[in-house]
Amino acid sequence: MRDEETYLTYTDDDETDATTGEFELSERQALRRVPGLSTELTDITEVEYRQLRLERVVLVGVWTEGTQADADNSLTELAALAETAGSQVLEGLIQRRNRPDPATYVGRGKVEDLGAVVLSTGADTVICDGELSPSQLRNLEQRTKVKVVDRTALILDIFAQHAKSKEGKAQVELAQLEYLLPRLRGWGETLSRQSGGSGRGGGAGGGVGLRGPGETKLETDRRRIRNRIARLRREIKGMKTVRQTKRARRSRNAVPAVAIAGYTNAGKSSLLNRLTGAGVLVENALFATLDPTTRKATTADGRLYTLSDTVGFVRHLPHQIVEAFRSTLEEVADSDLVVHVVDGTHPDPEEQVRAVREVLAEVGADRLPELLVVNKTDAANEDELLRLKRLWPEAVFVSARAGRGIDGLRAAIEARLPRPAVEVRAVLPYDRGDLVARLHRQGEVLSTAHLPEGTLLHVRVNEALAAELAPFARTEQEAVAAVR
């Protein structure tokens, strides 16, 4: 969205009349514009040319519920997504309706207005703030004569641009193909051409010159896509096994895991870098991080734990993305603590938190302990920060860029890490320095004393390590007497 907005109000042929009182008169702004280069009038017909060449775009949304501020925030986020994908946003239009039109998304009368805006601005793409059905996609393209993209396809395109690892690329391709499959029919008349038929009966089949295998181009494309989807699922399953093996090794070593989750561009990677010196790419762009990064960290008392950066979330995150990235998101579900990062400068941080928790619930991570962290406090409004402190009194307020509040965050993470279950006192011979080092890494050392026969340690450890310490164990009375 641009700073200057020109508002155009139209009467809505397809909506209930304003006099019925269904909507307030001030809310019935059918299309609201955001200012703004040569129109591409060629019809889009072939699947092979569906790659998103987003250049000059017009955004359009349907406001069905909530306040006008909610609708504006949603379109502002769509503009940020479009710019991340490499587009120039020319106009932003919102229509107030009960629900999106089942045939054309916006009201039928408003499609003509949308076409006029496309023509006057020289846009080559329309992006809709919602997921379009195949028929809505086809009808809008036929009426506007330019490419039409929905919010889901836009997010998938951004993921495709940012995926770097083999697993990330496979996950994105799988999500794109699963999105594409049901929409093939919506993308052009040529897909229904049939290469053969029986030729029998009055007009049945293709007739002379058209007898053949009987498979349409649509069926051929669907078969190819299904085969590719099956292959990708096998590959991702194999990669998931490797990830599970690494997780199992960390679990055996009793290393607590902390996952950093949150809305896209909330500053998760910056926070990981600040806490661990990970050197992860930090970029002021949506979905800059797709491939999870895990780094070691150490508590003040020497315990080892891991911190994992994860893919960012967004409101209405496409279910194809959630499914394709399920193995990656399981890093969050299998952790001991979720550090939930919120952008303190966002106009609607509560909606960010709600959207993230919704996705966490889908992967079973909603049952985990959560530490809410409000980031970017150096750039946030002081009044807004005070409001958020009242709203979330347990939250930690930090600035990853300025380093403000990081020590407090470390302490809050350490306080919430699971503590080893078994308390042991043991005297380890001085030649067992390896075991002493493991106790510092994997357990919680409560006290240390040096005796003639070895090192007296009072520790909390897991059951496996407690079994190794059994030959050296002392009772509390024996330990007290030894020190005296």
Protein backbone atom coordinates (compact mmCIF):
# COMPACT_ATOMS: atom_id res chain seq x y z
CA MET A 1 0.00 0.00 0.00
CA ARG A 2 1.22 3.54 -0.70
CA ASP A 3 1.14 6.51 1.67
CA GLU A 4 -1.30 8.46 -0.50
CA GLU A 5 -4.66 6.82 -1.07
CA THR A 6 -7.42 7.92 -3.44
CA TYR A 7 -10.80 6.56 -2.52
CA LEU A 8 -13.38 5.78 -5.20
CA THR A 9 -16.84 4.77 -4.10
CA TYR A 10 -19.13 2.82 -6.39
CA THR A 11 -22.63 1.52 -5.94
CA ASP A 12 -22.56 -2.27 -5.82
CA ASP A 13 -24.86 -3.97 -8.27
CA ASP A 14 -24.37 -7.36 -6.62
CA GLU A 15 -24.68 -6.41 -2.94
CA THR A 16 -27.64 -5.69 -0.71
CA ASP A 17 -28.69 -2.03 -0.95
CA ALA A 18 -27.09 0.29 1.61
CA THR A 19 -30.52 1.33 2.90
CA THR A 20 -31.09 -2.13 4.37
CA GLY A 21 -28.57 -1.26 7.07
CA GLU A 22 -26.56 -4.46 6.45
CA PHE A 23 -23.39 -2.37 6.30
CA GLU A 24 -22.69 1.08 7.62
CA LEU A 25 -22.65 3.65 4.83
CA SER A 26 -19.07 4.63 5.69
CA GLU A 27 -17.98 1.00 5.23
CA ARG A 28 -19.50 0.61 1.80
CA GLN A 29 -16.44 1.79 -0.09
CA ALA A 30 -16.55 -0.70 -2.90
CA LEU A 31 -13.05 -0.16 -4.23
CA ARG A 32 -10.29 1.91 -2.65
CA ARG A 33 -7.25 2.72 -4.78
CA VAL A 34 -3.48 3.01 -4.21
CA PRO A 35 -1.72 5.09 -7.05
CA GLY A 36 0.32 4.11 -9.74
CA LEU A 37 2.92 1.04 -16.14
CA SER A 38 2.02 -1.39 -20.65
CA THR A 39 -0.77 -3.83 -20.30
CA GLU A 40 -0.21 -7.42 -21.38
CA LEU A 41 -3.41 -8.32 -23.21
CA THR A 42 -2.40 -11.77 -24.41
CA ASP A 43 -4.56 -14.55 -23.07
CA ILE A 44 -2.87 -17.08 -20.78
CA THR A 45 -3.65 -20.59 -21.99
CA GLU A 46 -0.77 -22.99 -21.49
CA VAL A 47 0.39 -24.48 -18.18
CA GLU A 48 4.00 -24.23 -19.35
CA TYR A 49 3.77 -20.42 -19.18
CA ARG A 50 2.36 -20.20 -15.68
CA GLN A 51 5.65 -19.17 -14.09
CA LEU A 52 5.03 -16.01 -12.09
CA ARG A 53 6.59 -13.11 -13.97
CA LEU A 54 5.34 -10.58 -11.46
CA GLU A 55 6.25 -7.06 -12.54
CA ARG A 56 3.49 -4.44 -12.40
CA VAL A 57 0.61 -5.58 -10.27
CA VAL A 58 -2.81 -4.49 -9.04
CA LEU A 59 -3.93 -5.90 -5.69
CA VAL A 60 -7.56 -6.68 -4.97
CA GLY A 61 -9.13 -7.87 -1.73
CA VAL A 62 -12.61 -8.66 -0.43
CA TRP A 63 -13.41 -7.34 3.04
CA THR A 64 -15.89 -9.78 4.57
CA GLU A 65 -15.38 -9.38 8.32
CA GLY A 66 -13.50 -7.41 10.94
CA THR A 67 -12.72 -3.71 10.86
CA GLN A 68 -11.50 -1.54 8.03
CA ALA A 69 -8.08 -1.49 9.73
CA ASP A 70 -7.99 -5.32 9.52
CA ALA A 71 -8.77 -5.18 5.80
CA ASP A 72 -6.12 -2.50 5.22
CA ASN A 73 -3.51 -4.49 7.19
CA SER A 74 -4.25 -7.59 5.12
CA LEU A 75 -3.80 -5.70 1.83
CA THR A 76 -0.67 -3.99 3.17
CA GLU A 77 0.77 -7.43 3.93
CA LEU A 78 -0.19 -8.60 0.43
CA ALA A 79 1.70 -5.59 -0.98
CA ALA A 80 4.78 -6.56 1.07
CA LEU A 81 4.49 -10.14 -0.24
CA ALA A 82 4.20 -8.90 -3.83
CA GLU A 83 7.25 -6.64 -3.46
CA THR A 84 9.22 -9.52 -1.92
CA ALA A 85 8.36 -11.55 -5.05
CA GLY A 86 9.82 -8.77 -7.21
CA SER A 87 6.72 -6.80 -8.16
CA GLN A 88 5.88 -3.12 -8.34
CA VAL A 89 2.53 -2.50 -6.68
CA LEU A 90 0.51 0.06 -8.64
CA GLU A 91 -2.94 -0.08 -7.06
CA GLY A 92 -4.68 -1.66 -4.07
CA LEU A 93 -8.44 -2.17 -4.28
CA ILE A 94 -10.79 -3.42 -1.57
CA GLN A 95 -14.47 -4.32 -1.94
CA ARG A 96 -16.87 -4.69 0.98
CA ARG A 97 -19.00 -7.83 0.57
CA ASN A 98 -20.71 -10.52 2.62
CA ARG A 99 -18.48 -13.12 0.99
CA PRO A 100 -16.31 -13.41 -2.15
CA ASP A 101 -18.29 -13.90 -5.34
CA PRO A 102 -18.20 -17.64 -6.22
CA ALA A 103 -17.62 -16.87 -9.90
CA THR A 104 -15.34 -13.83 -9.99
CA TYR A 105 -14.11 -13.26 -6.38
CA VAL A 106 -15.09 -9.55 -6.49
CA GLY A 107 -18.65 -8.69 -7.54
CA ARG A 108 -19.44 -9.18 -11.20
CA GLY A 109 -20.03 -5.46 -11.64
CA LYS A 110 -16.69 -4.68 -10.07
CA VAL A 111 -14.76 -6.89 -12.51
CA GLU A 112 -15.34 -4.22 -15.18
CA ASP A 113 -13.95 -1.58 -12.82
CA LEU A 114 -10.96 -3.82 -12.08
CA GLY A 115 -10.35 -4.28 -15.82
CA ALA A 116 -10.42 -0.51 -16.30
CA VAL A 117 -7.88 -0.02 -13.50
CA VAL A 118 -5.63 -2.68 -15.07
CA LEU A 119 -5.86 -0.94 -18.45
CA SER A 120 -5.26 2.54 -17.08
CA THR A 121 -2.24 1.57 -14.97
CA GLY A 122 -0.65 -0.75 -17.53
CA ALA A 123 -0.54 -3.62 -15.02
CA ASP A 124 0.28 -7.12 -16.26
CA THR A 125 -0.91 -9.07 -13.20
CA VAL A 126 -3.79 -9.01 -10.73
CA ILE A 127 -3.12 -10.47 -7.28
CA CYS A 128 -6.12 -11.46 -5.16
CA ASP A 129 -5.94 -11.45 -1.36
CA GLY A 130 -7.37 -14.95 -0.96
CA GLU A 131 -7.23 -18.42 -2.50
CA LEU A 132 -9.12 -18.60 -5.80
CA SER A 133 -10.99 -21.62 -7.10
CA PRO A 134 -10.16 -22.80 -10.65
CA SER A 135 -13.36 -21.24 -12.00
CA GLN A 136 -12.69 -17.89 -10.30
CA LEU A 137 -9.17 -17.91 -11.73
CA ARG A 138 -10.40 -18.66 -15.25
CA ASN A 139 -13.26 -16.13 -15.16
CA LEU A 140 -11.09 -13.29 -13.86
CA GLU A 141 -8.41 -13.90 -16.49
CA GLN A 142 -10.98 -13.99 -19.26
CA ARG A 143 -12.55 -10.74 -18.08
CA THR A 144 -9.40 -8.74 -17.24
CA LYS A 145 -7.22 -10.17 -20.06
CA VAL A 146 -4.16 -10.36 -17.80
CA LYS A 147 -2.64 -12.97 -15.56
CA VAL A 148 -4.41 -13.48 -12.22
CA VAL A 149 -2.56 -14.82 -9.18
CA ASP A 150 -3.96 -15.56 -5.73
CA ARG A 151 -2.32 -15.17 -2.33
CA THR A 152 -1.36 -18.85 -2.13
CA ALA A 153 0.45 -18.85 -5.51
CA LEU A 154 2.26 -15.66 -4.51
CA ILE A 155 3.54 -17.17 -1.24
CA LEU A 156 4.60 -20.34 -3.06
CA ASP A 157 6.53 -18.21 -5.58
CA ILE A 158 8.40 -16.44 -2.77
CA PHE A 159 9.22 -19.80 -1.18
CA ALA A 160 10.55 -21.02 -4.55
CA GLN A 161 12.84 -17.98 -4.80
CA HIS A 162 14.24 -18.41 -1.28
CA ALA A 163 14.68 -22.19 -1.03
CA LYS A 164 18.39 -23.05 -0.99
CA SER A 165 18.83 -26.61 0.32
CA LYS A 166 17.84 -29.75 -1.54
CA GLU A 167 15.13 -30.47 1.02
CA GLY A 168 13.78 -26.91 0.88
CA LYS A 169 13.57 -26.98 -2.93
CA ALA A 170 11.82 -30.36 -2.88
CA GLN A 171 9.31 -29.16 -0.27
CA VAL A 172 8.49 -26.02 -2.26
CA GLU A 173 8.10 -27.93 -5.54
CA LEU A 174 5.78 -30.42 -3.84
CA ALA A 175 3.63 -27.58 -2.48
CA GLN A 176 3.50 -25.89 -5.88
CA LEU A 177 2.46 -29.07 -7.69
CA GLU A 178 -0.23 -29.87 -5.12
CA TYR A 179 -1.59 -26.35 -5.61
CA LEU A 180 -1.36 -26.64 -9.40
CA LEU A 181 -3.06 -30.00 -9.81
CA PRO A 182 -6.70 -29.02 -9.18
CA ARG A 183 -6.27 -25.74 -11.11
CA LEU A 184 -5.17 -27.12 -14.46
CA ARG A 185 -8.71 -26.93 -15.80
CA GLY A 186 -8.83 -23.24 -14.99
CA TRP A 187 -5.83 -22.42 -17.14
CA GLY A 188 -6.91 -22.39 -20.73
CA GLU A 189 -9.16 -23.95 -23.31
CA THR A 190 -6.32 -25.87 -24.96
CA LEU A 191 -6.06 -28.23 -21.99
CA SER A 192 -9.41 -29.80 -22.90
CA ARG A 193 -8.26 -30.74 -26.42
CA GLN A 194 -8.54 -34.49 -26.89
CA SER A 195 -6.20 -36.46 -29.07
CA GLY A 196 -8.58 -39.30 -29.85
CA GLY A 197 -11.98 -40.92 -29.52
CA SER A 198 -14.09 -43.88 -30.63
CA GLY A 199 -15.55 -42.23 -33.74
CA ARG A 200 -18.66 -44.42 -33.44
CA GLY A 201 -22.21 -43.19 -33.41
CA GLY A 202 -23.71 -39.87 -34.47
CA GLY A 203 -21.16 -37.37 -33.33
CA ALA A 204 -19.85 -39.50 -30.44
CA GLY A 205 -16.09 -39.31 -29.98
CA GLY A 206 -13.71 -37.32 -32.14
CA GLY A 207 -14.75 -38.66 -35.52
CA VAL A 208 -12.58 -39.02 -38.61
CA GLY A 209 -8.98 -38.00 -38.07
CA LEU A 210 -9.32 -37.77 -34.30
CA ARG A 211 -9.26 -41.45 -33.31
CA GLY A 212 -6.44 -42.27 -30.94
CA PRO A 213 -5.57 -42.98 -27.32
CA GLY A 214 -8.27 -40.64 -26.04
CA GLU A 215 -6.18 -38.82 -23.45
CA THR A 216 -6.59 -35.06 -23.23
CA LYS A 217 -3.71 -32.70 -22.64
CA LEU A 218 -5.26 -32.03 -19.23
CA GLU A 219 -5.11 -35.73 -18.34
CA THR A 220 -1.52 -35.99 -19.57
CA ASP A 221 -0.42 -33.04 -17.44
CA ARG A 222 -2.25 -34.39 -14.40
CA ARG A 223 -0.59 -37.78 -14.78
CA ARG A 224 2.87 -36.20 -15.05
CA ILE A 225 2.24 -34.02 -11.99
CA ARG A 226 0.98 -36.96 -9.91
CA ASN A 227 4.09 -38.98 -10.82
CA ARG A 228 6.34 -36.07 -9.86
CA ILE A 229 4.44 -35.55 -6.55
CA ALA A 230 4.91 -39.23 -5.66
CA ARG A 231 8.66 -39.00 -6.40
CA LEU A 232 9.05 -35.82 -4.32
CA ARG A 233 7.22 -37.36 -1.37
CA ARG A 234 9.63 -40.32 -1.42
CA GLU A 235 12.64 -37.97 -1.50
CA ILE A 236 11.32 -35.81 1.37
CA LYS A 237 10.57 -38.92 3.40
CA GLY A 238 14.21 -39.99 3.02
CA MET A 239 15.42 -36.54 4.10
CA LYS A 240 13.05 -36.66 7.06
CA THR A 241 14.75 -39.88 8.23
CA VAL A 242 18.12 -38.08 8.31
CA ARG A 243 16.60 -35.23 10.33
CA GLN A 244 14.99 -37.69 12.77
CA THR A 245 18.33 -39.47 13.23
CA LYS A 246 20.01 -36.18 14.21
CA ARG A 247 17.18 -35.36 16.59
CA ALA A 248 17.37 -38.84 18.16
CA ARG A 249 21.12 -38.41 18.72
CA ARG A 250 20.54 -35.09 20.50
CA SER A 251 17.77 -36.69 22.53
CA ARG A 252 20.03 -39.58 23.60
CA ASN A 253 22.62 -37.07 24.73
CA ALA A 254 19.88 -35.29 26.72
CA VAL A 255 20.51 -31.98 24.97
CA PRO A 256 17.48 -29.68 25.44
CA ALA A 257 16.14 -28.16 22.21
CA VAL A 258 14.78 -24.63 21.82
CA ALA A 259 12.91 -23.65 18.63
CA ILE A 260 12.65 -20.02 17.51
CA ALA A 261 9.27 -19.58 15.80
CA GLY A 262 7.24 -16.58 14.77
CA TYR A 263 5.76 -14.47 12.02
CA THR A 264 7.82 -13.90 8.90
CA ASN A 265 10.24 -10.96 9.15
CA ALA A 266 9.82 -10.76 12.94
CA GLY A 267 13.61 -11.02 13.40
CA LYS A 268 14.08 -14.72 14.25
CA SER A 269 17.36 -15.10 12.35
CA SER A 270 18.72 -11.88 13.87
CA LEU A 271 17.87 -13.23 17.31
CA LEU A 272 19.62 -16.56 16.58
CA ASN A 273 22.71 -14.68 15.41
CA ARG A 274 22.69 -12.51 18.52
CA LEU A 275 22.30 -15.49 20.88
CA THR A 276 24.75 -17.90 19.21
CA GLY A 277 26.81 -16.00 16.61
CA ALA A 278 25.34 -18.35 13.97
CA GLY A 279 25.98 -16.06 10.99
CA VAL A 280 22.61 -16.87 9.41
CA LEU A 281 21.45 -14.68 6.49
CA VAL A 282 19.46 -11.72 7.79
CA GLU A 283 17.35 -9.85 5.27
CA ASN A 284 14.50 -7.37 5.58
CA ALA A 285 12.24 -9.54 3.44
CA LEU A 286 9.39 -11.96 3.99
CA PHE A 287 10.35 -15.65 4.15
CA ALA A 288 14.10 -14.96 3.91
CA THR A 289 14.68 -18.15 5.96
CA LEU A 290 13.26 -21.44 4.69
CA ASP A 291 15.98 -23.89 5.64
CA PRO A 292 16.16 -24.49 9.41
CA THR A 293 19.47 -23.74 11.16
CA THR A 294 20.45 -25.37 14.47
CA ARG A 295 23.26 -24.01 16.64
CA LYS A 296 24.67 -24.94 20.07
CA ALA A 297 24.38 -22.63 23.05
CA THR A 298 25.53 -22.89 26.66
CA THR A 299 23.80 -21.81 29.85
CA ALA A 300 25.54 -19.76 32.53
CA ASP A 301 26.13 -22.95 34.56
CA GLY A 302 27.62 -24.79 31.57
CA ARG A 303 24.67 -26.86 30.31
CA LEU A 304 24.46 -27.40 26.57
CA TYR A 305 21.28 -26.78 24.56
CA THR A 306 20.39 -26.16 20.92
CA LEU A 307 18.63 -23.22 19.26
CA SER A 308 16.85 -23.77 15.91
CA ASP A 309 15.69 -21.06 13.51
CA THR A 310 12.55 -22.08 11.60
CA VAL A 311 10.52 -20.95 8.61
CA GLY A 312 8.36 -17.92 9.30
CA PHE A 313 4.59 -18.02 9.35
CA VAL A 314 2.00 -15.68 7.90
CA ARG A 315 -1.75 -15.34 8.24
CA HIS A 316 -3.64 -17.80 6.02
CA LEU A 317 -0.44 -19.76 5.40
CA PRO A 318 -1.33 -22.15 2.53
CA HIS A 319 -2.05 -25.66 3.78
CA GLN A 320 0.17 -26.99 0.95
CA ILE A 321 3.11 -25.22 2.61
CA VAL A 322 2.26 -26.60 6.06
CA GLU A 323 2.04 -30.14 4.66
CA ALA A 324 5.18 -29.90 2.50
CA PHE A 325 7.21 -28.35 5.34
CA ARG A 326 5.77 -30.67 7.99
CA SER A 327 9.09 -32.49 8.46
CA THR A 328 10.82 -29.13 8.99
CA LEU A 329 8.11 -27.83 11.32
CA GLU A 330 8.48 -31.00 13.38
CA GLU A 331 11.72 -29.42 14.62
CA VAL A 332 9.40 -27.12 16.56
CA ALA A 333 7.05 -29.89 17.73
CA ASP A 334 9.98 -31.96 19.07
CA SER A 335 11.60 -29.13 20.98
CA ASP A 336 11.47 -28.52 24.74
CA LEU A 337 10.68 -24.79 24.47
CA VAL A 338 9.26 -22.50 21.77
CA VAL A 339 10.66 -18.97 21.67
CA HIS A 340 7.81 -17.15 19.93
CA VAL A 341 9.14 -13.95 18.32
CA VAL A 342 6.73 -11.07 17.68
CA ASP A 343 7.45 -7.92 15.63
CA GLY A 344 6.94 -5.01 18.04
CA THR A 345 6.63 -2.55 15.12
CA HIS A 346 3.80 -4.44 13.37
CA PRO A 347 0.43 -2.65 13.32
CA ASP A 348 -1.39 -5.78 14.54
CA PRO A 349 0.94 -7.95 16.69
CA GLU A 350 -2.01 -9.82 18.28
CA GLU A 351 -3.01 -11.12 14.84
CA GLN A 352 0.60 -12.22 14.28
CA VAL A 353 0.53 -14.22 17.51
CA ARG A 354 -2.85 -15.78 16.64
CA ALA A 355 -1.66 -16.82 13.13
CA VAL A 356 1.55 -18.40 14.49
CA ARG A 357 -0.26 -20.32 17.22
CA GLU A 358 -2.73 -21.61 14.64
CA VAL A 359 0.10 -23.16 12.58
CA LEU A 360 1.86 -24.48 15.70
CA ALA A 361 -1.37 -26.26 16.65
CA GLU A 362 -1.45 -27.93 13.20
CA VAL A 363 1.93 -29.59 13.83
CA GLY A 364 1.22 -30.43 17.49
CA ALA A 365 3.52 -27.79 18.99
CA ASP A 366 0.79 -25.90 20.86
CA ARG A 367 1.28 -28.15 23.94
CA LEU A 368 4.89 -26.99 24.43
CA PRO A 369 6.08 -24.30 26.87
CA GLU A 370 6.16 -20.94 25.09
CA LEU A 371 8.31 -17.88 25.75
CA LEU A 372 6.89 -14.80 24.04
CA VAL A 373 9.59 -12.38 22.82
CA VAL A 374 8.69 -8.95 21.45
CA ASN A 375 11.48 -7.89 19.09
CA LYS A 376 12.44 -4.59 17.39
CA THR A 377 11.83 -2.52 20.52
CA ASP A 378 14.40 0.01 19.27
CA ALA A 379 12.05 0.96 16.41
CA ALA A 380 8.68 0.46 18.14
CA ASN A 381 6.41 3.15 19.51
CA GLU A 382 6.75 3.55 23.29
CA ASP A 383 2.98 3.73 23.86
CA GLU A 384 2.51 0.53 21.85
CA LEU A 385 5.22 -1.22 23.87
CA LEU A 386 3.50 -0.22 27.12
CA ARG A 387 0.23 -1.62 25.78
CA LEU A 388 1.92 -4.91 24.83
CA LYS A 389 3.57 -5.14 28.27
CA ARG A 390 0.13 -4.91 29.86
CA LEU A 391 -1.25 -7.45 27.36
CA TRP A 392 1.65 -9.94 27.73
CA PRO A 393 3.20 -9.39 31.20
CA GLU A 394 5.31 -12.56 30.94
CA ALA A 395 6.87 -11.56 27.59
CA VAL A 396 10.52 -10.53 27.16
CA PHE A 397 11.14 -7.29 25.23
CA VAL A 398 14.33 -7.17 23.15
CA SER A 399 16.05 -5.60 20.18
CA ALA A 400 18.14 -8.15 18.28
CA ARG A 401 19.69 -5.40 16.17
CA ALA A 402 20.70 -3.17 19.08
CA GLY A 403 21.40 -6.01 21.52
CA ARG A 404 18.91 -4.62 24.03
CA GLY A 405 17.43 -7.16 26.45
CA ILE A 406 19.45 -10.12 25.13
CA ASP A 407 20.94 -11.04 28.55
CA GLY A 408 17.45 -11.09 30.03
CA LEU A 409 16.27 -13.31 27.17
CA ARG A 410 19.14 -15.76 27.76
CA ALA A 411 18.23 -15.95 31.45
CA ALA A 412 14.53 -16.46 30.62
CA ILE A 413 15.39 -19.31 28.19
CA GLU A 414 17.71 -20.97 30.73
CA ALA A 415 15.06 -20.75 33.46
CA ARG A 416 12.56 -22.57 31.22
CA LEU A 417 14.86 -25.36 30.04
CA PRO A 418 13.94 -28.81 31.40
CA ARG A 419 16.10 -29.79 34.34
CA PRO A 420 17.60 -33.30 34.62
CA ALA A 421 15.44 -35.54 36.77
CA VAL A 422 17.93 -37.45 38.97
CA GLU A 423 19.98 -35.80 41.75
CA VAL A 424 23.30 -37.55 42.42
CA ARG A 425 26.37 -37.03 44.62
CA ALA A 426 29.49 -38.81 43.39
CA VAL A 427 33.25 -38.80 43.88
CA LEU A 428 34.96 -39.20 40.52
CA PRO A 429 38.65 -40.18 40.36
CA TYR A 430 40.92 -37.55 38.86
CA ASP A 431 41.57 -39.78 35.83
CA ARG A 432 37.85 -39.54 34.89
CA GLY A 433 37.98 -36.01 33.58
CA ASP A 434 35.95 -37.15 30.55
CA LEU A 435 32.99 -38.00 32.79
CA VAL A 436 33.30 -34.69 34.64
CA ALA A 437 33.18 -32.83 31.30
CA ARG A 438 30.05 -34.78 30.26
CA LEU A 439 28.36 -33.88 33.53
CA HIS A 440 28.98 -30.21 32.85
CA ARG A 441 27.66 -30.53 29.28
CA GLN A 442 24.64 -32.75 29.81
CA GLY A 443 23.72 -32.25 33.45
CA GLU A 444 23.35 -29.46 35.96
CA VAL A 445 26.31 -29.19 38.33
CA LEU A 446 25.06 -27.86 41.68
CA SER A 447 28.36 -27.92 43.59
CA THR A 448 31.97 -29.13 43.28
CA ALA A 449 34.63 -30.01 45.88
CA HIS A 450 38.12 -31.47 45.48
CA LEU A 451 39.04 -34.37 47.78
CA PRO A 452 42.26 -36.41 48.00
CA GLU A 453 40.57 -39.35 46.20
CA GLY A 454 38.82 -37.32 43.49
CA THR A 455 36.25 -34.65 42.63
CA LEU A 456 33.04 -34.58 44.66
CA LEU A 457 30.15 -33.47 42.45
CA HIS A 458 26.55 -32.73 43.38
CA VAL A 459 24.66 -32.91 40.06
CA ARG A 460 21.30 -33.30 38.39
CA VAL A 461 21.47 -35.74 35.46
CA ASN A 462 19.22 -37.93 33.32
CA GLU A 463 18.64 -41.57 34.18
CA ALA A 464 21.23 -42.92 31.72
CA LEU A 465 24.01 -40.72 33.13
CA ALA A 466 22.90 -41.50 36.70
CA ALA A 467 23.44 -45.20 35.93
CA GLU A 468 27.02 -44.46 34.84
CA LEU A 469 27.65 -42.56 38.08
CA ALA A 470 26.29 -45.38 40.27
CA PRO A 471 29.73 -46.94 41.03
CA PHE A 472 30.98 -43.55 42.31
CA ALA A 473 27.82 -42.47 44.15
CA ARG A 474 27.80 -41.24 47.76
CA THR A 475 24.97 -40.58 50.15
CA GLU A 476 24.40 -37.05 51.38
CA GLN A 477 25.82 -37.92 54.80
CA GLU A 478 28.93 -39.51 53.24
CA ALA A 479 29.45 -36.47 51.00
CA VAL A 480 29.15 -34.05 53.95
CA ALA A 481 31.57 -36.14 56.02
CA ALA A 482 34.08 -36.33 53.16
CA VAL A 483 34.17 -32.54 52.83
CA ARG A 484 34.72 -32.10 56.56
